[in-house]
Amino acid sequence: MKRIVGLIFVLFLCLGFPCGNVALAEESPVFVVSANIAPIYADANLGAEVLVTLAHGTELSGEYQLEFSSSSPAVYENAGLVFYKILFDETEGYILSDFVVQKSEVVESIPNFNAKTNSSCTVYCADGEELTLEKGHRIYLYEKYNSHAPRTNIMFLYENKILYGQIETKFVDPDGVNPVLISAIIIIVAILGIIFAWLFMKNKKKKVKINKK
C-alpha cells in the first residue's frame, strides 16, 4: 500500500502540481531622472526639438513610460550617444541614458568624462541654482566644444548626483587640448621666427659689405 501511495505521489510531481506551475509576471525595473534636468527630444539627437524637460527624481513609470526590451530599456544609439525611448501623452520622445538610472542604484560616476575645469568656477543650473566647482573637476561635454562661445553646457558629478548646467567657456579644459601649452608653442614659434629673420638680415648685410670690398 505504501509503495502504491509513493508511486502516485511521484507521478503527481512528474505531471506537475497545479500550484507549482503558477508563473509570476516579472515586473520591469523602475528608472528615475538622475540629472537635475533631463530634456526629452523629438528624435535621438541632441539637435532635435526639446518636447519637455523632466526634473530630478521624476519616476519613469507613470505618466512617462520607458520602452523596454526584455527587462532593460530599449537602446537607440546616435553619434556615440545612447538614448532611451520614452512615451507620454500619446507622444514618443528620447532621453539621454546618462540622465537616467535605475531607482535602486546609486550614481557614482558619469561615463566618458572628456574635460575638466582649469580653475575654480561657478556652474549655472537651469533651475537657477549656482554651484561652485574646484579646479580640476572632471566634466562631460555632451555638445560640440566651441572655444568662442561665452558659456558651455556640461554634465558633472556633484554630491553623488549627475547634474547639468553651464560654465563660462574660459574655465573649460577639454581632454587633449591644453590652451597654455598651445599659447606657449605659438610664442616660441614667433620668437624663433624673429631670431631667424634677424640672423638672415645680419648675414645678408655681411655679404653686402664683403662684396663692396
Protein backbone atom coordinates (compact mmCIF):
# COMPACT_ATOMS: atom_id res chain seq x y z
CA MET A 1 0.00 0.00 0.00
CA LYS A 2 2.83 2.36 0.89
CA ARG A 3 4.50 1.63 -2.47
CA ILE A 4 1.29 2.46 -4.34
CA VAL A 5 0.91 5.74 -2.47
CA GLY A 6 4.58 6.55 -3.18
CA LEU A 7 4.17 5.86 -6.90
CA ILE A 8 1.06 8.03 -7.06
CA PHE A 9 2.96 10.87 -5.32
CA VAL A 10 5.88 10.61 -7.78
CA LEU A 11 3.52 10.60 -10.76
CA PHE A 12 1.74 13.62 -9.28
CA LEU A 13 5.04 15.51 -9.08
CA CYS A 14 6.05 14.49 -12.62
CA LEU A 15 2.75 15.70 -14.06
CA GLY A 16 3.14 18.98 -12.18
CA PHE A 17 1.41 20.15 -9.06
CA PRO A 18 -1.04 22.91 -10.15
CA CYS A 19 0.20 25.47 -7.62
CA GLY A 20 3.81 24.80 -8.54
CA ASN A 21 3.10 25.70 -12.14
CA VAL A 22 1.89 29.25 -11.43
CA ALA A 23 4.29 31.77 -13.08
CA LEU A 24 4.64 35.22 -11.57
CA ALA A 25 4.86 38.10 -14.06
CA GLU A 26 8.29 39.75 -13.98
CA GLU A 27 7.96 43.46 -13.34
CA SER A 28 10.15 45.91 -15.24
CA PRO A 29 12.56 47.88 -13.00
CA VAL A 30 11.71 51.48 -12.22
CA PHE A 31 14.03 54.21 -13.58
CA VAL A 32 14.32 57.79 -12.40
CA VAL A 33 15.88 61.02 -13.68
CA SER A 34 19.28 61.39 -12.00
CA ALA A 35 20.25 64.76 -13.53
CA ASN A 36 18.84 68.00 -12.17
CA ILE A 37 17.03 68.40 -15.50
CA ALA A 38 16.57 65.98 -18.40
CA PRO A 39 15.29 67.14 -21.81
CA ILE A 40 13.12 64.79 -23.85
CA TYR A 41 13.97 65.18 -27.53
CA ALA A 42 11.69 64.58 -30.51
CA ASP A 43 14.40 62.35 -32.01
CA ALA A 44 17.50 60.52 -30.78
CA ASN A 45 19.59 63.59 -31.48
CA LEU A 46 20.78 66.42 -29.23
CA GLY A 47 19.92 68.87 -32.00
CA ALA A 48 16.27 67.76 -32.14
CA GLU A 49 13.37 69.73 -30.71
CA VAL A 50 13.00 69.52 -26.92
CA LEU A 51 9.44 68.35 -26.25
CA VAL A 52 9.52 68.64 -22.47
CA THR A 53 12.06 68.81 -19.65
CA LEU A 54 11.87 66.49 -16.63
CA ALA A 55 13.08 67.41 -13.17
CA HIS A 56 15.46 65.45 -10.95
CA GLY A 57 13.85 62.41 -9.32
CA THR A 58 10.99 62.02 -11.83
CA GLU A 59 9.99 58.35 -11.98
CA LEU A 60 9.64 56.95 -15.48
CA SER A 61 6.86 54.56 -14.61
CA GLY A 62 3.68 56.62 -14.52
CA GLU A 63 2.96 59.49 -16.85
CA TYR A 64 6.33 58.96 -18.54
CA GLN A 65 6.98 55.37 -19.62
CA LEU A 66 10.27 53.97 -20.91
CA GLU A 67 10.17 51.50 -23.78
CA PHE A 68 11.63 48.20 -22.59
CA SER A 69 13.34 45.33 -24.39
CA SER A 70 13.05 42.33 -22.04
CA SER A 71 13.82 43.83 -18.61
CA SER A 72 16.05 46.68 -19.84
CA PRO A 73 15.23 49.96 -21.60
CA ALA A 74 15.38 49.74 -25.39
CA VAL A 75 18.58 51.42 -26.62
CA TYR A 76 18.85 53.87 -29.53
CA GLU A 77 22.38 54.97 -30.46
CA ASN A 78 23.31 58.06 -32.43
CA ALA A 79 26.69 59.79 -32.86
CA GLY A 80 28.20 57.80 -30.00
CA LEU A 81 25.38 58.72 -27.59
CA VAL A 82 22.81 56.34 -26.14
CA PHE A 83 19.14 57.31 -25.86
CA TYR A 84 16.07 55.63 -24.37
CA LYS A 85 12.65 55.96 -25.98
CA ILE A 86 10.02 57.41 -23.66
CA LEU A 87 6.25 57.52 -24.14
CA PHE A 88 3.99 60.24 -22.72
CA ASP A 89 0.70 61.89 -23.72
CA GLU A 90 0.49 59.58 -26.77
CA THR A 91 3.84 61.04 -27.88
CA GLU A 92 7.23 59.40 -28.43
CA GLY A 93 10.43 61.09 -27.33
CA TYR A 94 14.03 60.26 -26.49
CA ILE A 95 16.03 60.87 -23.34
CA LEU A 96 19.81 60.59 -22.86
CA SER A 97 20.62 57.38 -20.99
CA ASP A 98 23.20 59.31 -18.93
CA PHE A 99 20.31 61.25 -17.38
CA VAL A 100 18.52 58.10 -16.21
CA VAL A 101 19.36 55.50 -13.58
CA GLN A 102 17.57 52.52 -12.06
CA LYS A 103 15.80 53.61 -8.89
CA SER A 104 17.62 51.10 -6.68
CA GLU A 105 21.07 52.15 -7.90
CA VAL A 106 23.36 54.91 -6.62
CA VAL A 107 25.04 57.03 -9.30
CA GLU A 108 28.78 57.03 -8.68
CA SER A 109 30.21 58.41 -11.89
CA ILE A 110 29.47 59.80 -15.32
CA PRO A 111 30.82 57.74 -18.22
CA ASN A 112 33.04 59.37 -20.82
CA PHE A 113 34.45 62.33 -18.94
CA ASN A 114 36.08 64.42 -21.67
CA ALA A 115 37.14 67.66 -19.98
CA LYS A 116 37.95 69.34 -16.68
CA THR A 117 37.81 72.79 -15.12
CA ASN A 118 41.05 74.77 -15.29
CA SER A 119 40.12 76.96 -12.32
CA SER A 120 37.52 77.28 -9.58
CA CYS A 121 34.30 78.35 -11.30
CA THR A 122 30.53 78.76 -10.94
CA VAL A 123 28.04 76.39 -12.55
CA TYR A 124 24.74 77.99 -13.57
CA CYS A 125 21.99 75.37 -13.34
CA ALA A 126 18.75 75.55 -15.31
CA ASP A 127 16.67 75.82 -12.13
CA GLY A 128 18.53 78.99 -11.14
CA GLU A 129 20.80 77.31 -8.60
CA GLU A 130 24.50 78.16 -8.65
CA LEU A 131 27.22 75.70 -7.60
CA THR A 132 30.99 76.00 -7.35
CA LEU A 133 33.38 73.52 -8.93
CA GLU A 134 37.03 73.42 -7.90
CA LYS A 135 39.95 73.43 -10.31
CA GLY A 136 40.43 70.02 -11.97
CA HIS A 137 36.81 68.87 -11.51
CA ARG A 138 36.05 66.32 -14.23
CA ILE A 139 33.15 67.25 -16.51
CA TYR A 140 31.37 65.85 -19.57
CA LEU A 141 30.85 68.00 -22.69
CA TYR A 142 27.86 66.48 -24.48
CA GLU A 143 27.76 69.11 -27.23
CA LYS A 144 30.42 70.18 -29.70
CA TYR A 145 33.04 72.29 -27.92
CA ASN A 146 33.22 75.90 -29.12
CA SER A 147 36.06 77.89 -27.58
CA HIS A 148 34.45 81.16 -28.72
CA ALA A 149 31.09 80.55 -27.00
CA PRO A 150 30.57 82.59 -23.80
CA ARG A 151 29.27 79.52 -21.93
CA THR A 152 29.44 75.75 -22.37
CA ASN A 153 26.84 73.14 -21.41
CA ILE A 154 28.24 70.43 -19.16
CA MET A 155 27.28 67.38 -17.10
CA PHE A 156 29.17 66.69 -13.89
CA LEU A 157 29.10 64.64 -10.72
CA TYR A 158 28.22 66.61 -7.60
CA GLU A 159 27.49 65.06 -4.20
CA ASN A 160 26.92 61.67 -5.85
CA LYS A 161 24.40 63.05 -8.34
CA ILE A 162 24.68 63.73 -12.06
CA LEU A 163 23.87 67.39 -12.63
CA TYR A 164 23.52 69.57 -15.69
CA GLY A 165 24.46 73.22 -16.11
CA GLN A 166 26.62 75.84 -17.80
CA ILE A 167 30.02 77.31 -17.02
CA GLU A 168 31.97 80.07 -18.69
CA THR A 169 33.90 78.54 -21.58
CA LYS A 170 37.21 80.05 -20.41
CA PHE A 171 37.10 77.60 -17.47
CA VAL A 172 36.79 74.53 -19.74
CA ASP A 173 39.90 72.47 -20.45
CA PRO A 174 38.95 69.73 -22.99
CA ASP A 175 40.93 66.50 -22.90
CA GLY A 176 43.76 66.52 -25.44
CA VAL A 177 43.77 70.32 -25.64
CA ASN A 178 45.94 72.41 -23.32
CA PRO A 179 45.42 76.13 -24.05
CA VAL A 180 48.50 77.12 -22.01
CA LEU A 181 50.70 74.72 -23.97
CA ILE A 182 49.30 75.93 -27.29
CA SER A 183 49.91 79.55 -26.31
CA ALA A 184 53.47 78.71 -25.25
CA ILE A 185 54.14 76.96 -28.58
CA ILE A 186 52.81 79.96 -30.52
CA ILE A 187 55.04 82.36 -28.54
CA ILE A 188 58.12 80.13 -29.02
CA VAL A 189 57.48 79.84 -32.77
CA ALA A 190 57.07 83.63 -33.03
CA ILE A 191 60.33 84.26 -31.12
CA LEU A 192 62.21 81.74 -33.26
CA GLY A 193 60.82 83.42 -36.38
CA ILE A 194 62.13 86.80 -35.20
CA ILE A 195 65.57 85.34 -34.36
CA PHE A 196 65.91 83.58 -37.73
CA ALA A 197 64.81 86.75 -39.54
CA TRP A 198 67.38 88.79 -37.60
CA LEU A 199 70.18 86.28 -38.35
CA PHE A 200 69.18 86.24 -42.02
CA MET A 201 69.31 90.02 -42.24
CA LYS A 202 72.65 90.10 -40.37
CA ASN A 203 74.22 87.57 -42.73
CA LYS A 204 72.88 89.45 -45.71
CA LYS A 205 74.49 92.69 -44.52
CA LYS A 206 77.86 90.90 -44.05
CA LYS A 207 77.68 89.57 -47.62
CA VAL A 208 76.93 93.06 -48.94
CA LYS A 209 79.99 94.51 -47.14
CA ILE A 210 82.22 91.72 -48.44
CA ASN A 211 81.08 92.32 -52.00
CA LYS A 212 81.81 96.08 -51.68
CA LYS A 213 85.39 95.36 -50.59
